[in-house]
Amino acid sequence: MRFERVHRMGQKQNQSAGQGSTREENNQRHRSIVCKFCFFGDREKVRGNSKNLKGSQFYVTEQFPQEVAAKRRRLFKRVKEEKQARRRAWVSYDTLYIEGRPVKDA
């Protein structure tokens, strides 16, 4: 598997508490990583196997532009309503699909 670019997100935390201290004592958090794959097939293989991480502290998500992420948050509320009404609904990128048809006014 080849990566075009891989980097961590966020600021590096200061390690002022010394060698023997734990992460909680230093008030540190885990830093997320972002990776860009060279091949689409590799990316899909990782996303497909992400279900194997269920029950662990790790997860895999796609990264979207801020505008798309905001629209997806609104659309997922609508998906929940549609599923309660027993209709098939899902979001693909920034488009809502209900019963297999894209919805324009969402």
PDB file of N, CA and C in Angstrom:
ATOM      1  N   MET A   1       0.849  -1.171   0.000  1.00  0.00           N
ATOM      2  CA  MET A   1       0.000   0.000   0.000  1.00  0.00           C
ATOM      3  C   MET A   1       0.897   1.237   0.000  1.00  0.00           C
ATOM      4  N   ARG A   2       0.604   2.172  -0.894  1.00  0.00           N
ATOM      5  CA  ARG A   2       1.414   3.381  -0.991  1.00  0.00           C
ATOM      6  C   ARG A   2       0.593   4.587  -0.586  1.00  0.00           C
ATOM      7  N   PHE A   3       1.230   5.495   0.114  1.00  0.00           N
ATOM      8  CA  PHE A   3       0.595   6.729   0.566  1.00  0.00           C
ATOM      9  C   PHE A   3       1.253   7.902  -0.126  1.00  0.00           C
ATOM     10  N   GLU A   4       0.437   8.862  -0.526  1.00  0.00           N
ATOM     11  CA  GLU A   4       0.971  10.075  -1.113  1.00  0.00           C
ATOM     12  C   GLU A   4       1.474  11.008  -0.015  1.00  0.00           C
ATOM     13  N   ARG A   5       0.683  11.077   1.072  1.00  0.00           N
ATOM     14  CA  ARG A   5       1.059  11.949   2.192  1.00  0.00           C
ATOM     15  C   ARG A   5       0.382  11.434   3.454  1.00  0.00           C
ATOM     16  N   VAL A   6       1.097  11.478   4.577  1.00  0.00           N
ATOM     17  CA  VAL A   6       0.545  11.100   5.879  1.00  0.00           C
ATOM     18  C   VAL A   6       1.050  12.117   6.896  1.00  0.00           C
ATOM     19  N   HIS A   7       0.134  12.654   7.716  1.00  0.00           N
ATOM     20  CA  HIS A   7       0.567  13.585   8.760  1.00  0.00           C
ATOM     21  C   HIS A   7      -0.399  13.554   9.929  1.00  0.00           C
ATOM     22  N   ARG A   8       0.048  14.075  11.063  1.00  0.00           N
ATOM     23  CA  ARG A   8      -0.790  14.153  12.262  1.00  0.00           C
ATOM     24  C   ARG A   8      -1.526  15.476  12.290  1.00  0.00           C
ATOM     25  N   MET A   9      -2.653  15.480  13.007  1.00  0.00           N
ATOM     26  CA  MET A   9      -3.464  16.690  13.126  1.00  0.00           C
ATOM     27  C   MET A   9      -3.248  17.312  14.505  1.00  0.00           C
ATOM     28  N   GLY A  10      -3.370  18.619  14.571  1.00  0.00           N
ATOM     29  CA  GLY A  10      -3.337  19.319  15.845  1.00  0.00           C
ATOM     30  C   GLY A  10      -1.940  19.655  16.326  1.00  0.00           C
ATOM     31  N   GLN A  11      -1.932  20.389  17.429  1.00  0.00           N
ATOM     32  CA  GLN A  11      -0.679  20.836  18.032  1.00  0.00           C
ATOM     33  C   GLN A  11      -0.022  19.715  18.828  1.00  0.00           C
ATOM     34  N   LYS A  12       1.303  19.684  18.829  1.00  0.00           N
ATOM     35  CA  LYS A  12       2.041  18.752  19.656  1.00  0.00           C
ATOM     36  C   LYS A  12       1.955  19.239  21.102  1.00  0.00           C
ATOM     37  N   GLN A  13       1.703  18.321  22.035  1.00  0.00           N
ATOM     38  CA  GLN A  13       1.565  18.689  23.442  1.00  0.00           C
ATOM     39  C   GLN A  13       2.935  18.787  24.103  1.00  0.00           C
ATOM     40  N   ASN A  14       3.064  19.661  25.070  1.00  0.00           N
ATOM     41  CA  ASN A  14       4.313  19.867  25.786  1.00  0.00           C
ATOM     42  C   ASN A  14       4.569  18.700  26.736  1.00  0.00           C
ATOM     43  N   GLN A  15       5.774  18.153  26.748  1.00  0.00           N
ATOM     44  CA  GLN A  15       6.142  17.015  27.594  1.00  0.00           C
ATOM     45  C   GLN A  15       6.892  17.509  28.830  1.00  0.00           C
ATOM     46  N   SER A  16       6.293  18.403  29.610  1.00  0.00           N
ATOM     47  CA  SER A  16       7.003  19.021  30.729  1.00  0.00           C
ATOM     48  C   SER A  16       6.984  18.188  31.998  1.00  0.00           C
ATOM     49  N   ALA A  17       6.155  17.141  32.092  1.00  0.00           N
ATOM     50  CA  ALA A  17       6.003  16.402  33.339  1.00  0.00           C
ATOM     51  C   ALA A  17       7.105  15.378  33.577  1.00  0.00           C
ATOM     52  N   GLY A  18       7.929  15.076  32.582  1.00  0.00           N
ATOM     53  CA  GLY A  18       9.025  14.148  32.807  1.00  0.00           C
ATOM     54  C   GLY A  18       8.790  12.789  32.188  1.00  0.00           C
ATOM     55  N   GLN A  19       9.797  11.908  32.328  1.00  0.00           N
ATOM     56  CA  GLN A  19       9.803  10.612  31.666  1.00  0.00           C
ATOM     57  C   GLN A  19       8.789   9.620  32.213  1.00  0.00           C
ATOM     58  N   GLY A  20       8.657   9.488  33.532  1.00  0.00           N
ATOM     59  CA  GLY A  20       7.876   8.426  34.130  1.00  0.00           C
ATOM     60  C   GLY A  20       6.388   8.692  34.233  1.00  0.00           C
ATOM     61  N   SER A  21       5.914   9.825  33.774  1.00  0.00           N
ATOM     62  CA  SER A  21       4.505  10.161  33.958  1.00  0.00           C
ATOM     63  C   SER A  21       3.647   9.570  32.849  1.00  0.00           C
ATOM     64  N   THR A  22       2.361   9.445  33.127  1.00  0.00           N
ATOM     65  CA  THR A  22       1.429   8.865  32.161  1.00  0.00           C
ATOM     66  C   THR A  22       0.821   9.960  31.301  1.00  0.00           C
ATOM     67  N   ARG A  23       0.123   9.545  30.270  1.00  0.00           N
ATOM     68  CA  ARG A  23      -0.530  10.478  29.344  1.00  0.00           C
ATOM     69  C   ARG A  23      -1.552  11.342  30.074  1.00  0.00           C
ATOM     70  N   GLU A  24      -2.305  10.739  31.014  1.00  0.00           N
ATOM     71  CA  GLU A  24      -3.327  11.482  31.746  1.00  0.00           C
ATOM     72  C   GLU A  24      -2.705  12.555  32.631  1.00  0.00           C
ATOM     73  N   GLU A  25      -1.574  12.244  33.235  1.00  0.00           N
ATOM     74  CA  GLU A  25      -0.910  13.222  34.093  1.00  0.00           C
ATOM     75  C   GLU A  25      -0.440  14.428  33.292  1.00  0.00           C
ATOM     76  N   ASN A  26      -0.034  14.200  32.057  1.00  0.00           N
ATOM     77  CA  ASN A  26       0.414  15.288  31.191  1.00  0.00           C
ATOM     78  C   ASN A  26      -0.750  16.000  30.519  1.00  0.00           C
ATOM     79  N   ASN A  27      -1.979  15.506  30.743  1.00  0.00           N
ATOM     80  CA  ASN A  27      -3.181  16.067  30.124  1.00  0.00           C
ATOM     81  C   ASN A  27      -3.046  16.089  28.601  1.00  0.00           C
ATOM     82  N   GLN A  28      -2.514  14.974  28.042  1.00  0.00           N
ATOM     83  CA  GLN A  28      -2.333  14.881  26.603  1.00  0.00           C
ATOM     84  C   GLN A  28      -3.499  14.144  25.979  1.00  0.00           C
ATOM     85  N   ARG A  29      -3.672  14.374  24.694  1.00  0.00           N
ATOM     86  CA  ARG A  29      -4.698  13.668  23.944  1.00  0.00           C
ATOM     87  C   ARG A  29      -4.024  12.974  22.764  1.00  0.00           C
ATOM     88  N   HIS A  30      -4.718  11.994  22.210  1.00  0.00           N
ATOM     89  CA  HIS A  30      -4.214  11.335  21.017  1.00  0.00           C
ATOM     90  C   HIS A  30      -4.394  12.275  19.837  1.00  0.00           C
ATOM     91  N   ARG A  31      -3.448  12.246  18.914  1.00  0.00           N
ATOM     92  CA  ARG A  31      -3.543  13.074  17.723  1.00  0.00           C
ATOM     93  C   ARG A  31      -3.990  12.222  16.550  1.00  0.00           C
ATOM     94  N   SER A  32      -4.996  12.681  15.840  1.00  0.00           N
ATOM     95  CA  SER A  32      -5.490  11.963  14.670  1.00  0.00           C
ATOM     96  C   SER A  32      -4.467  12.033  13.551  1.00  0.00           C
ATOM     97  N   ILE A  33      -4.519  11.064  12.646  1.00  0.00           N
ATOM     98  CA  ILE A  33      -3.669  11.124  11.455  1.00  0.00           C
ATOM     99  C   ILE A  33      -4.553  11.241  10.223  1.00  0.00           C
ATOM    100  N   VAL A  34      -4.002  11.846   9.195  1.00  0.00           N
ATOM    101  CA  VAL A  34      -4.667  11.976   7.904  1.00  0.00           C
ATOM    102  C   VAL A  34      -3.731  11.355   6.885  1.00  0.00           C
ATOM    103  N   CYS A  35      -4.259  10.480   6.052  1.00  0.00           N
ATOM    104  CA  CYS A  35      -3.408   9.902   5.013  1.00  0.00           C
ATOM    105  C   CYS A  35      -4.104   9.993   3.661  1.00  0.00           C
ATOM    106  N   LYS A  36      -3.319  10.315   2.664  1.00  0.00           N
ATOM    107  CA  LYS A  36      -3.808  10.373   1.293  1.00  0.00           C
ATOM    108  C   LYS A  36      -3.196   9.193   0.559  1.00  0.00           C
ATOM    109  N   PHE A  37      -4.058   8.338   0.036  1.00  0.00           N
ATOM    110  CA  PHE A  37      -3.609   7.136  -0.645  1.00  0.00           C
ATOM    111  C   PHE A  37      -3.246   7.442  -2.086  1.00  0.00           C
ATOM    112  N   CYS A  38      -2.293   6.690  -2.626  1.00  0.00           N
ATOM    113  CA  CYS A  38      -1.942   6.832  -4.039  1.00  0.00           C
ATOM    114  C   CYS A  38      -2.991   6.192  -4.927  1.00  0.00           C
ATOM    115  N   PHE A  39      -3.634   5.127  -4.429  1.00  0.00           N
ATOM    116  CA  PHE A  39      -4.593   4.388  -5.244  1.00  0.00           C
ATOM    117  C   PHE A  39      -5.931   4.308  -4.536  1.00  0.00           C
ATOM    118  N   PHE A  40      -6.995   4.545  -5.290  1.00  0.00           N
ATOM    119  CA  PHE A  40      -8.353   4.501  -4.755  1.00  0.00           C
ATOM    120  C   PHE A  40      -8.680   3.127  -4.180  1.00  0.00           C
ATOM    121  N   GLY A  41      -8.218   2.069  -4.819  1.00  0.00           N
ATOM    122  CA  GLY A  41      -8.478   0.708  -4.350  1.00  0.00           C
ATOM    123  C   GLY A  41      -7.920   0.464  -2.960  1.00  0.00           C
ATOM    124  N   ASP A  42      -6.748   1.021  -2.672  1.00  0.00           N
ATOM    125  CA  ASP A  42      -6.157   0.887  -1.336  1.00  0.00           C
ATOM    126  C   ASP A  42      -7.018   1.594  -0.297  1.00  0.00           C
ATOM    127  N   ARG A  43      -7.506   2.780  -0.654  1.00  0.00           N
ATOM    128  CA  ARG A  43      -8.351   3.531   0.272  1.00  0.00           C
ATOM    129  C   ARG A  43      -9.620   2.748   0.590  1.00  0.00           C
ATOM    130  N   GLU A  44     -10.235   2.174  -0.438  1.00  0.00           N
ATOM    131  CA  GLU A  44     -11.466   1.420  -0.231  1.00  0.00           C
ATOM    132  C   GLU A  44     -11.217   0.146   0.565  1.00  0.00           C
ATOM    133  N   LYS A  45     -10.050  -0.451   0.400  1.00  0.00           N
ATOM    134  CA  LYS A  45      -9.708  -1.644   1.167  1.00  0.00           C
ATOM    135  C   LYS A  45      -9.609  -1.301   2.654  1.00  0.00           C
ATOM    136  N   VAL A  46      -8.994  -0.179   2.976  1.00  0.00           N
ATOM    137  CA  VAL A  46      -8.885   0.266   4.368  1.00  0.00           C
ATOM    138  C   VAL A  46     -10.265   0.594   4.921  1.00  0.00           C
ATOM    139  N   ARG A  47     -11.079   1.327   4.162  1.00  0.00           N
ATOM    140  CA  ARG A  47     -12.428   1.663   4.627  1.00  0.00           C
ATOM    141  C   ARG A  47     -13.272   0.417   4.824  1.00  0.00           C
ATOM    142  N   GLY A  48     -13.136  -0.562   3.933  1.00  0.00           N
ATOM    143  CA  GLY A  48     -13.911  -1.794   4.041  1.00  0.00           C
ATOM    144  C   GLY A  48     -13.537  -2.625   5.253  1.00  0.00           C
ATOM    145  N   ASN A  49     -12.264  -2.586   5.625  1.00  0.00           N
ATOM    146  CA  ASN A  49     -11.800  -3.359   6.774  1.00  0.00           C
ATOM    147  C   ASN A  49     -11.921  -2.599   8.090  1.00  0.00           C
ATOM    148  N   SER A  50     -12.424  -1.376   8.045  1.00  0.00           N
ATOM    149  CA  SER A  50     -12.537  -0.585   9.267  1.00  0.00           C
ATOM    150  C   SER A  50     -13.529  -1.194  10.250  1.00  0.00           C
ATOM    151  N   LYS A  51     -14.431  -2.058   9.764  1.00  0.00           N
ATOM    152  CA  LYS A  51     -15.385  -2.717  10.669  1.00  0.00           C
ATOM    153  C   LYS A  51     -14.669  -3.642  11.647  1.00  0.00           C
ATOM    154  N   ASN A  52     -13.459  -4.072  11.313  1.00  0.00           N
ATOM    155  CA  ASN A  52     -12.681  -4.925  12.215  1.00  0.00           C
ATOM    156  C   ASN A  52     -12.185  -4.165  13.436  1.00  0.00           C
ATOM    157  N   LEU A  53     -12.283  -2.846  13.417  1.00  0.00           N
ATOM    158  CA  LEU A  53     -11.849  -2.022  14.550  1.00  0.00           C
ATOM    159  C   LEU A  53     -12.957  -1.820  15.571  1.00  0.00           C
ATOM    160  N   LYS A  54     -14.144  -2.355  15.301  1.00  0.00           N
ATOM    161  CA  LYS A  54     -15.289  -2.187  16.199  1.00  0.00           C
ATOM    162  C   LYS A  54     -14.925  -2.697  17.598  1.00  0.00           C
ATOM    163  N   GLY A  55     -15.225  -1.891  18.611  1.00  0.00           N
ATOM    164  CA  GLY A  55     -14.918  -2.262  19.986  1.00  0.00           C
ATOM    165  C   GLY A  55     -13.542  -1.791  20.438  1.00  0.00           C
ATOM    166  N   SER A  56     -12.739  -1.244  19.524  1.00  0.00           N
ATOM    167  CA  SER A  56     -11.425  -0.723  19.913  1.00  0.00           C
ATOM    168  C   SER A  56     -11.511   0.800  20.011  1.00  0.00           C
ATOM    169  N   GLN A  57     -10.414   1.420  20.377  1.00  0.00           N
ATOM    170  CA  GLN A  57     -10.398   2.879  20.507  1.00  0.00           C
ATOM    171  C   GLN A  57     -10.078   3.571  19.180  1.00  0.00           C
ATOM    172  N   PHE A  58      -9.942   2.801  18.110  1.00  0.00           N
ATOM    173  CA  PHE A  58      -9.576   3.355  16.809  1.00  0.00           C
ATOM    174  C   PHE A  58     -10.767   3.368  15.868  1.00  0.00           C
ATOM    175  N   TYR A  59     -10.753   4.261  14.879  1.00  0.00           N
ATOM    176  CA  TYR A  59     -11.808   4.321  13.877  1.00  0.00           C
ATOM    177  C   TYR A  59     -11.250   4.940  12.599  1.00  0.00           C
ATOM    178  N   VAL A  60     -11.992   4.757  11.518  1.00  0.00           N
ATOM    179  CA  VAL A  60     -11.607   5.280  10.214  1.00  0.00           C
ATOM    180  C   VAL A  60     -12.774   6.093   9.676  1.00  0.00           C
ATOM    181  N   THR A  61     -12.509   7.317   9.236  1.00  0.00           N
ATOM    182  CA  THR A  61     -13.528   8.147   8.612  1.00  0.00           C
ATOM    183  C   THR A  61     -12.935   8.853   7.406  1.00  0.00           C
ATOM    184  N   GLU A  62     -13.814   9.324   6.545  1.00  0.00           N
ATOM    185  CA  GLU A  62     -13.373  10.145   5.421  1.00  0.00           C
ATOM    186  C   GLU A  62     -13.315  11.593   5.875  1.00  0.00           C
ATOM    187  N   GLN A  63     -12.453  12.366   5.253  1.00  0.00           N
ATOM    188  CA  GLN A  63     -12.352  13.788   5.562  1.00  0.00           C
ATOM    189  C   GLN A  63     -12.984  14.573   4.416  1.00  0.00           C
ATOM    190  N   PHE A  64     -13.906  15.481   4.754  1.00  0.00           N
ATOM    191  CA  PHE A  64     -14.602  16.291   3.764  1.00  0.00           C
ATOM    192  C   PHE A  64     -14.319  17.762   4.009  1.00  0.00           C
ATOM    193  N   PRO A  65     -14.493  18.616   2.979  1.00  0.00           N
ATOM    194  CA  PRO A  65     -14.393  20.068   3.191  1.00  0.00           C
ATOM    195  C   PRO A  65     -15.443  20.521   4.208  1.00  0.00           C
ATOM    196  N   GLN A  66     -15.212  21.651   4.860  1.00  0.00           N
ATOM    197  CA  GLN A  66     -16.105  22.140   5.913  1.00  0.00           C
ATOM    198  C   GLN A  66     -17.541  22.303   5.430  1.00  0.00           C
ATOM    199  N   GLU A  67     -17.724  22.832   4.225  1.00  0.00           N
ATOM    200  CA  GLU A  67     -19.072  23.053   3.712  1.00  0.00           C
ATOM    201  C   GLU A  67     -19.807  21.726   3.527  1.00  0.00           C
ATOM    202  N   VAL A  68     -19.111  20.744   2.997  1.00  0.00           N
ATOM    203  CA  VAL A  68     -19.711  19.428   2.766  1.00  0.00           C
ATOM    204  C   VAL A  68     -20.011  18.751   4.100  1.00  0.00           C
ATOM    205  N   ALA A  69     -19.085  18.858   5.048  1.00  0.00           N
ATOM    206  CA  ALA A  69     -19.298  18.247   6.366  1.00  0.00           C
ATOM    207  C   ALA A  69     -20.524  18.850   7.051  1.00  0.00           C
ATOM    208  N   ALA A  70     -20.699  20.165   6.929  1.00  0.00           N
ATOM    209  CA  ALA A  70     -21.869  20.821   7.536  1.00  0.00           C
ATOM    210  C   ALA A  70     -23.156  20.341   6.862  1.00  0.00           C
ATOM    211  N   LYS A  71     -23.136  20.225   5.538  1.00  0.00           N
ATOM    212  CA  LYS A  71     -24.321  19.755   4.821  1.00  0.00           C
ATOM    213  C   LYS A  71     -24.634  18.302   5.188  1.00  0.00           C
ATOM    214  N   ARG A  72     -23.609  17.470   5.334  1.00  0.00           N
ATOM    215  CA  ARG A  72     -23.816  16.067   5.705  1.00  0.00           C
ATOM    216  C   ARG A  72     -24.449  15.955   7.092  1.00  0.00           C
ATOM    217  N   ARG A  73     -24.035  16.814   8.029  1.00  0.00           N
ATOM    218  CA  ARG A  73     -24.636  16.786   9.371  1.00  0.00           C
ATOM    219  C   ARG A  73     -26.139  17.046   9.284  1.00  0.00           C
ATOM    220  N   ARG A  74     -26.531  18.033   8.470  1.00  0.00           N
ATOM    221  CA  ARG A  74     -27.961  18.320   8.294  1.00  0.00           C
ATOM    222  C   ARG A  74     -28.678  17.159   7.628  1.00  0.00           C
ATOM    223  N   LEU A  75     -28.051  16.560   6.625  1.00  0.00           N
ATOM    224  CA  LEU A  75     -28.685  15.471   5.893  1.00  0.00           C
ATOM    225  C   LEU A  75     -28.872  14.226   6.758  1.00  0.00           C
ATOM    226  N   PHE A  76     -27.933  13.950   7.663  1.00  0.00           N
ATOM    227  CA  PHE A  76     -28.063  12.761   8.499  1.00  0.00           C
ATOM    228  C   PHE A  76     -29.241  12.878   9.466  1.00  0.00           C
ATOM    229  N   LYS A  77     -29.604  14.089   9.839  1.00  0.00           N
ATOM    230  CA  LYS A  77     -30.815  14.268  10.651  1.00  0.00           C
ATOM    231  C   LYS A  77     -32.033  13.834   9.845  1.00  0.00           C
ATOM    232  N   ARG A  78     -32.057  14.191   8.574  1.00  0.00           N
ATOM    233  CA  ARG A  78     -33.172  13.807   7.696  1.00  0.00           C
ATOM    234  C   ARG A  78     -33.184  12.295   7.462  1.00  0.00           C
ATOM    235  N   VAL A  79     -31.997  11.696   7.337  1.00  0.00           N
ATOM    236  CA  VAL A  79     -31.905  10.240   7.156  1.00  0.00           C
ATOM    237  C   VAL A  79     -32.548   9.532   8.332  1.00  0.00           C
ATOM    238  N   LYS A  80     -32.282  10.025   9.533  1.00  0.00           N
ATOM    239  CA  LYS A  80     -32.851   9.415  10.733  1.00  0.00           C
ATOM    240  C   LYS A  80     -34.388   9.465  10.684  1.00  0.00           C
ATOM    241  N   GLU A  81     -34.933  10.601  10.280  1.00  0.00           N
ATOM    242  CA  GLU A  81     -36.389  10.734  10.165  1.00  0.00           C
ATOM    243  C   GLU A  81     -36.953   9.761   9.129  1.00  0.00           C
ATOM    244  N   GLU A  82     -36.293   9.650   7.998  1.00  0.00           N
ATOM    245  CA  GLU A  82     -36.766   8.769   6.932  1.00  0.00           C
ATOM    246  C   GLU A  82     -36.722   7.306   7.372  1.00  0.00           C
ATOM    247  N   LYS A  83     -35.681   6.937   8.086  1.00  0.00           N
ATOM    248  CA  LYS A  83     -35.569   5.555   8.544  1.00  0.00           C
ATOM    249  C   LYS A  83     -36.630   5.237   9.592  1.00  0.00           C
ATOM    250  N   GLN A  84     -36.992   6.211  10.410  1.00  0.00           N
ATOM    251  CA  GLN A  84     -38.074   5.992  11.373  1.00  0.00           C
ATOM    252  C   GLN A  84     -39.402   5.792  10.650  1.00  0.00           C
ATOM    253  N   ALA A  85     -39.537   6.399   9.473  1.00  0.00           N
ATOM    254  CA  ALA A  85     -40.736   6.219   8.647  1.00  0.00           C
ATOM    255  C   ALA A  85     -40.620   4.965   7.772  1.00  0.00           C
ATOM    256  N   ARG A  86     -39.608   4.146   8.043  1.00  0.00           N
ATOM    257  CA  ARG A  86     -39.370   2.870   7.350  1.00  0.00           C
ATOM    258  C   ARG A  86     -39.096   3.030   5.854  1.00  0.00           C
ATOM    259  N   ARG A  87     -38.374   4.094   5.501  1.00  0.00           N
ATOM    260  CA  ARG A  87     -37.934   4.273   4.121  1.00  0.00           C
ATOM    261  C   ARG A  87     -36.418   4.111   4.065  1.00  0.00           C
ATOM    262  N   ARG A  88     -35.951   3.570   2.937  1.00  0.00           N
ATOM    263  CA  ARG A  88     -34.507   3.423   2.740  1.00  0.00           C
ATOM    264  C   ARG A  88     -33.911   4.796   2.451  1.00  0.00           C
ATOM    265  N   ALA A  89     -32.900   5.203   3.222  1.00  0.00           N
ATOM    266  CA  ALA A  89     -32.280   6.516   3.016  1.00  0.00           C
ATOM    267  C   ALA A  89     -30.796   6.437   3.351  1.00  0.00           C
ATOM    268  N   TRP A  90     -29.998   7.178   2.590  1.00  0.00           N
ATOM    269  CA  TRP A  90     -28.568   7.244   2.865  1.00  0.00           C
ATOM    270  C   TRP A  90     -28.003   8.526   2.270  1.00  0.00           C
ATOM    271  N   VAL A  91     -26.781   8.852   2.687  1.00  0.00           N
ATOM    272  CA  VAL A  91     -26.078  10.035   2.184  1.00  0.00           C
ATOM    273  C   VAL A  91     -24.840   9.562   1.448  1.00  0.00           C
ATOM    274  N   SER A  92     -24.652  10.080   0.242  1.00  0.00           N
ATOM    275  CA  SER A  92     -23.446   9.819  -0.523  1.00  0.00           C
ATOM    276  C   SER A  92     -22.819  11.169  -0.836  1.00  0.00           C
ATOM    277  N   TYR A  93     -21.625  11.390  -0.309  1.00  0.00           N
ATOM    278  CA  TYR A  93     -20.913  12.667  -0.369  1.00  0.00           C
ATOM    279  C   TYR A  93     -21.797  13.767   0.202  1.00  0.00           C
ATOM    280  N   ASP A  94     -22.480  14.564  -0.626  1.00  0.00           N
ATOM    281  CA  ASP A  94     -23.359  15.601  -0.078  1.00  0.00           C
ATOM    282  C   ASP A  94     -24.769  15.515  -0.665  1.00  0.00           C
ATOM    283  N   THR A  95     -25.164  14.305  -1.059  1.00  0.00           N
ATOM    284  CA  THR A  95     -26.477  14.091  -1.652  1.00  0.00           C
ATOM    285  C   THR A  95     -27.267  13.086  -0.823  1.00  0.00           C
ATOM    286  N   LEU A  96     -28.514  13.418  -0.537  1.00  0.00           N
ATOM    287  CA  LEU A  96     -29.419  12.529   0.186  1.00  0.00           C
ATOM    288  C   LEU A  96     -30.180  11.676  -0.814  1.00  0.00           C
ATOM    289  N   TYR A  97     -30.214  10.370  -0.567  1.00  0.00           N
ATOM    290  CA  TYR A  97     -30.978   9.439  -1.395  1.00  0.00           C
ATOM    291  C   TYR A  97     -32.080   8.826  -0.537  1.00  0.00           C
ATOM    292  N   ILE A  98     -33.313   8.874  -1.048  1.00  0.00           N
ATOM    293  CA  ILE A  98     -34.449   8.242  -0.382  1.00  0.00           C
ATOM    294  C   ILE A  98     -35.059   7.280  -1.381  1.00  0.00           C
ATOM    295  N   GLU A  99     -35.139   6.023  -0.983  1.00  0.00           N
ATOM    296  CA  GLU A  99     -35.665   4.954  -1.858  1.00  0.00           C
ATOM    297  C   GLU A  99     -34.931   4.930  -3.189  1.00  0.00           C
ATOM    298  N   GLY A 100     -33.636   5.201  -3.180  1.00  0.00           N
ATOM    299  CA  GLY A 100     -32.815   5.109  -4.384  1.00  0.00           C
ATOM    300  C   GLY A 100     -32.816   6.320  -5.280  1.00  0.00           C
ATOM    301  N   ARG A 101     -33.568   7.361  -4.919  1.00  0.00           N
ATOM    302  CA  ARG A 101     -33.644   8.569  -5.747  1.00  0.00           C
ATOM    303  C   ARG A 101     -33.007   9.746  -5.019  1.00  0.00           C
ATOM    304  N   PRO A 102     -32.188  10.537  -5.712  1.00  0.00           N
ATOM    305  CA  PRO A 102     -31.600  11.720  -5.071  1.00  0.00           C
ATOM    306  C   PRO A 102     -32.662  12.761  -4.760  1.00  0.00           C
ATOM    307  N   VAL A 103     -32.540  13.400  -3.615  1.00  0.00           N
ATOM    308  CA  VAL A 103     -33.493  14.420  -3.182  1.00  0.00           C
ATOM    309  C   VAL A 103     -32.840  15.779  -3.370  1.00  0.00           C
ATOM    310  N   LYS A 104     -33.482  16.669  -4.099  1.00  0.00           N
ATOM    311  CA  LYS A 104     -32.905  17.985  -4.423  1.00  0.00           C
ATOM    312  C   LYS A 104     -33.118  19.014  -3.319  1.00  0.00           C
ATOM    313  N   ASP A 105     -34.254  18.972  -2.621  1.00  0.00           N
ATOM    314  CA  ASP A 105     -34.597  20.037  -1.660  1.00  0.00           C
ATOM    315  C   ASP A 105     -34.071  19.775  -0.252  1.00  0.00           C
ATOM    316  N   ALA A 106     -33.150  18.849  -0.076  1.00  0.00           N
ATOM    317  CA  ALA A 106     -32.693  18.479   1.271  1.00  0.00           C
ATOM    318  C   ALA A 106     -31.709  19.461   1.822  1.00  0.00           C
TER     319      ALA A 106
END
